[in-house]
Protein backbone atom coordinates (compact mmCIF):
# COMPACT_ATOMS: atom_id res chain seq x y z
CA MET A 1 104.94 82.60 38.39
CA THR A 2 102.48 84.43 40.66
CA ASP A 3 99.42 82.65 42.00
CA ALA A 4 97.12 85.00 40.08
CA LEU A 5 98.86 84.29 36.78
CA LEU A 6 98.84 80.54 37.44
CA ILE A 7 95.11 80.62 38.15
CA ALA A 8 94.54 82.65 34.97
CA VAL A 9 96.51 80.20 32.80
CA VAL A 10 94.80 77.15 34.31
CA SER A 11 91.37 78.79 34.07
CA ILE A 12 91.76 79.53 30.36
CA SER A 13 93.11 76.02 29.69
CA VAL A 14 90.32 74.34 31.62
CA PHE A 15 87.66 76.52 29.99
CA MET A 16 88.85 75.62 26.47
CA ALA A 17 89.27 71.95 27.34
CA SER A 18 85.79 71.78 28.89
CA LEU A 19 84.26 73.57 25.91
CA PHE A 20 85.74 71.37 23.20
CA SER A 21 85.48 68.07 25.08
CA THR A 22 81.80 68.74 25.76
CA VAL A 23 81.20 69.35 22.05
CA THR A 24 83.04 66.25 20.81
CA GLY A 25 82.76 63.83 23.75
CA PHE A 26 86.51 63.49 24.27
CA GLY A 27 89.73 65.52 24.15
CA PHE A 28 89.89 67.27 27.54
CA ALA A 29 93.46 66.12 28.10
CA LEU A 30 94.52 66.79 24.49
CA VAL A 31 93.61 70.46 24.90
CA ALA A 32 94.66 71.04 28.50
CA VAL A 33 97.88 69.05 28.89
CA PRO A 34 100.12 71.11 26.55
CA PHE A 35 99.22 74.28 28.45
CA LEU A 36 99.27 72.88 31.99
CA MET A 37 102.36 70.66 31.83
CA PRO A 38 104.93 73.53 31.89
CA PHE A 39 103.27 75.13 34.91
CA LEU A 40 102.08 72.21 37.06
CA GLY A 41 104.62 69.52 36.20
CA PRO A 42 103.99 66.05 34.69
CA LYS A 43 102.61 64.19 37.72
CA GLU A 44 100.50 67.07 38.99
CA THR A 45 99.09 67.66 35.51
CA VAL A 46 98.00 64.03 35.16
CA VAL A 47 96.23 64.03 38.52
CA PHE A 48 94.63 67.42 37.88
CA ILE A 49 93.44 66.40 34.39
CA ILE A 50 91.87 63.18 35.67
CA PHE A 51 90.11 65.08 38.44
CA GLY A 52 88.93 67.82 36.06
CA THR A 53 87.79 65.36 33.40
CA CYS A 54 85.64 63.52 35.93
CA LEU A 55 83.88 66.73 36.92
CA VAL A 56 83.12 67.60 33.30
CA LYS A 57 82.04 64.04 32.52
CA MET A 58 79.56 64.01 35.43
CA ILE A 59 77.69 66.90 33.83
CA VAL A 60 77.89 65.60 30.26
CA LEU A 61 76.86 62.08 31.33
CA TRP A 62 73.65 63.50 32.73
CA ASN A 63 72.99 65.45 29.54
CA THR A 64 73.62 62.39 27.34
CA ARG A 65 71.82 59.80 29.47
CA LYS A 66 68.97 59.43 26.95
CA HIS A 67 71.19 58.93 23.90
CA PHE A 68 73.97 56.48 24.82
CA GLU A 69 73.75 52.75 24.11
CA TRP A 70 74.64 50.37 26.94
CA ARG A 71 75.60 47.54 24.60
CA THR A 72 77.96 49.74 22.56
CA VAL A 73 79.56 51.21 25.68
CA ILE A 74 80.07 47.84 27.42
CA ILE A 75 81.54 46.17 24.32
CA THR A 76 83.97 49.04 23.72
CA VAL A 77 85.01 49.25 27.38
CA CYS A 78 85.62 45.47 27.46
CA GLY A 79 87.82 45.84 24.39
CA SER A 80 89.68 48.67 26.10
CA ILE A 81 90.39 46.51 29.14
CA LEU A 82 91.66 43.71 26.94
CA GLY A 83 93.87 46.11 24.99
CA SER A 84 95.45 47.58 28.10
CA LEU A 85 96.88 44.19 29.11
CA PRO A 86 99.25 43.65 26.15
CA GLY A 87 99.81 47.40 26.05
CA GLY A 88 101.16 47.39 29.58
CA TYR A 89 103.39 44.43 28.78
CA LEU A 90 104.69 45.96 25.54
CA LEU A 91 105.43 49.24 27.29
CA ASN A 92 107.97 47.40 29.43
CA ALA A 93 109.48 45.63 26.41
CA ILE A 94 109.69 48.49 23.89
CA PRO A 95 110.60 52.16 24.48
CA SER A 96 107.40 54.23 24.57
CA ALA A 97 108.89 56.65 22.03
CA TYR A 98 108.57 54.08 19.23
CA LEU A 99 104.99 53.30 20.24
CA GLN A 100 104.01 56.98 20.25
CA VAL A 101 105.47 57.51 16.78
CA LEU A 102 103.62 54.41 15.58
CA LEU A 103 100.33 55.69 16.99
CA GLY A 104 100.82 59.09 15.37
CA VAL A 105 101.62 57.58 11.98
CA VAL A 106 98.64 55.18 12.08
CA LEU A 107 96.25 58.01 12.99
CA VAL A 108 97.57 60.19 10.17
CA ILE A 109 97.20 57.35 7.65
CA VAL A 110 93.62 56.62 8.71
CA LEU A 111 92.70 60.30 8.55
CA ALA A 112 94.26 60.55 5.10
CA LEU A 113 92.21 57.57 3.93
CA MET A 114 89.06 59.16 5.31
CA GLY A 115 89.93 62.41 3.53
CA MET A 116 90.26 60.44 0.29
CA HIS A 117 86.78 58.99 0.96
CA PHE A 118 87.92 55.39 1.35
CA ASP A 119 85.19 53.17 2.77
CA LEU A 120 86.51 52.25 6.21
CA SER A 121 83.21 51.06 7.63
CA VAL A 122 83.08 47.70 9.42
CA LYS A 123 80.09 45.46 8.72
CA ASN A 124 80.35 43.59 12.02
CA LYS A 125 79.69 46.43 14.48
CA THR A 126 80.31 44.31 17.56
CA LEU A 127 83.73 43.28 16.30
CA GLY A 128 84.50 46.84 15.18
CA ARG A 129 83.63 48.34 18.56
CA MET A 130 85.59 45.68 20.39
CA ALA A 131 88.59 46.36 18.13
CA ALA A 132 88.26 50.14 18.61
CA GLY A 133 88.18 49.65 22.38
CA PHE A 134 91.17 47.31 22.18
CA CYS A 135 93.18 49.91 20.23
CA SER A 136 92.13 52.61 22.67
CA GLY A 137 93.18 50.58 25.72
CA PHE A 138 96.42 49.56 24.06
CA SER A 139 97.13 53.19 23.13
CA ALA A 140 96.28 54.41 26.62
CA ALA A 141 98.63 51.90 28.23
CA THR A 142 101.53 52.65 25.88
CA THR A 143 101.18 56.37 25.11
CA SER A 144 98.54 57.72 27.59
CA ILE A 145 96.43 58.79 24.56
CA SER A 146 93.13 56.88 24.43
CA GLY A 147 90.54 59.01 22.65
CA PRO A 148 91.51 59.13 18.95
CA PRO A 149 91.16 55.38 18.13
CA VAL A 150 87.60 55.23 19.46
CA ALA A 151 86.65 58.58 17.92
CA LEU A 152 87.95 57.53 14.51
CA TYR A 153 86.02 54.28 14.58
CA PHE A 154 82.72 55.89 15.54
CA LEU A 155 83.14 58.42 12.75
CA THR A 156 83.26 55.52 10.27
CA GLU A 157 79.93 54.25 11.61
CA GLY A 158 78.25 57.47 10.45
CA ARG A 159 75.88 57.62 13.42
CA ASP A 160 74.00 60.74 14.48
CA LYS A 161 76.12 63.20 16.48
CA LEU A 162 73.89 62.81 19.57
CA VAL A 163 74.51 59.06 19.75
CA THR A 164 78.20 59.30 18.81
CA ARG A 165 79.01 61.89 21.47
CA ALA A 166 76.93 60.13 24.12
CA ASN A 167 78.62 56.77 23.53
CA MET A 168 82.11 58.30 23.64
CA CYS A 169 81.32 60.24 26.83
CA TRP A 170 80.16 57.11 28.64
CA ILE A 171 83.02 55.00 27.32
CA PHE A 172 85.67 57.44 28.51
CA ALA A 173 83.86 58.00 31.80
CA PHE A 174 84.39 54.32 32.64
CA GLY A 175 88.04 54.77 31.69
CA ASN A 176 88.38 57.75 34.03
CA ILE A 177 86.84 55.80 36.89
CA GLY A 178 89.32 52.99 36.30
CA THR A 179 92.23 55.44 36.19
CA MET A 180 91.14 57.12 39.42
CA ALA A 181 90.84 53.73 41.11
CA SER A 182 94.34 52.80 39.92
CA LEU A 183 95.77 56.06 41.25
CA ALA A 184 94.06 55.53 44.59
CA LEU A 185 95.38 51.97 44.88
CA SER A 186 98.88 53.15 43.98
CA GLY A 187 98.79 55.73 46.76
CA SER A 188 98.51 58.81 44.55
CA ARG A 189 96.41 61.60 45.98
CA ILE A 190 95.41 65.05 44.82
CA SER A 191 97.35 67.50 46.97
CA THR A 192 95.80 70.33 48.95
CA ASP A 193 97.29 72.87 46.53
CA LEU A 194 95.78 71.08 43.52
CA MET A 195 92.40 70.81 45.24
CA LEU A 196 92.50 74.53 45.97
CA LEU A 197 93.48 75.25 42.36
CA ALA A 198 90.62 73.04 41.17
CA ALA A 199 88.23 75.03 43.36
CA TYR A 200 89.46 78.30 41.82
CA VAL A 201 88.88 77.07 38.26
CA THR A 202 85.53 75.35 38.86
CA LEU A 203 83.61 78.32 37.46
CA PRO A 204 85.57 78.43 34.14
CA MET A 205 85.13 74.65 33.88
CA LEU A 206 81.37 74.87 34.39
CA LEU A 207 81.15 77.81 31.99
CA GLY A 208 83.09 75.90 29.32
CA THR A 209 80.84 72.86 29.79
CA TRP A 210 77.68 74.98 29.57
CA LEU A 211 78.88 76.80 26.47
CA GLY A 212 80.05 73.54 24.89
CA GLU A 213 76.60 72.03 25.40
CA ARG A 214 74.97 75.01 23.71
CA CYS A 215 77.45 74.90 20.83
CA PHE A 216 76.93 71.17 20.35
CA HIS A 217 73.21 71.57 19.74
CA LYS A 218 73.81 74.40 17.26
CA ILE A 219 76.40 72.71 15.06
CA ASN A 220 75.39 70.35 12.26
CA GLN A 221 76.56 66.79 11.65
CA HIS A 222 79.24 67.85 9.17
CA LEU A 223 80.86 70.34 11.57
CA PHE A 224 80.74 67.80 14.39
CA ILE A 225 82.68 65.34 12.23
CA ARG A 226 85.23 68.00 11.30
CA LEU A 227 85.77 69.03 14.94
CA THR A 228 86.23 65.40 15.95
CA GLN A 229 88.76 64.91 13.15
CA ILE A 230 90.65 68.01 14.33
CA PHE A 231 90.96 66.50 17.79
CA VAL A 232 92.24 63.26 16.30
CA VAL A 233 94.85 65.30 14.40
CA ILE A 234 95.85 66.96 17.68
CA GLY A 235 96.20 63.50 19.24
CA ALA A 236 98.34 62.30 16.32
CA CYS A 237 100.57 65.38 16.47
CA THR A 238 100.92 65.02 20.23
CA ALA A 239 101.97 61.39 19.92
CA LEU A 240 104.42 62.15 17.12
CA TYR A 241 105.94 65.09 18.99
CA ARG A 242 106.40 63.12 22.20
CA GLY A 243 107.80 60.12 20.36
CA ILE A 244 110.22 62.03 18.13
CA THR A 245 111.40 64.20 21.05
CA ALA A 246 112.05 61.09 23.14
CA LEU A 247 113.86 59.36 20.27
CA LEU A 248 116.17 62.34 19.82
CA GLN A 249 117.10 62.12 23.49
CA LEU A 250 118.01 58.42 23.34
């Protein structure tokens, strides 16, 4: 693949990922990874996505600074940390393929229940947010997919879209910081080629973020919920595809 074509593919992927993740508060990796993986490779894609997500989050965090709730964010992040511990252990004990299929099935079931208008709300919000964070951390450690569990829970709370998006942005920003710290401690670095590629696609990323911010303020609460559900479906399908593909190769 020529450098120009690579830059074009990455630019389009990053633009779309920035646009949709700015609107919903999560999902950058869910959009970008399927397009980038075949061209950059698994390891390079992970590093590039983490780097790109942090840039987008820096902008969105500033835009949502007046709407997020510290207590909600801290409780959910603490739950995520707790969930990552057994998740990391279980990943070494059980093939990740089974865990990815399980995640996909659970997400589909919950979405189906929501579509059938089952009341999935949790009366104890502190416990619910802690549990959502726990599931997110567990999912991240076992399948690398962290967004859908938290997004699904906050949809059941029925909060205003401004607060919901702000809380999710800040929650996942802490996760990205932790991931970057882990990569740094493990010796992983973004290569010169990836840094140069990131520089080339900065403009599409900023454009996607700007357009996503404008779109967010134009859509109503109902459409915001539908878009968030679509991203959860993408996460479920991604987990199922990875898991079933891995199982077939065993």
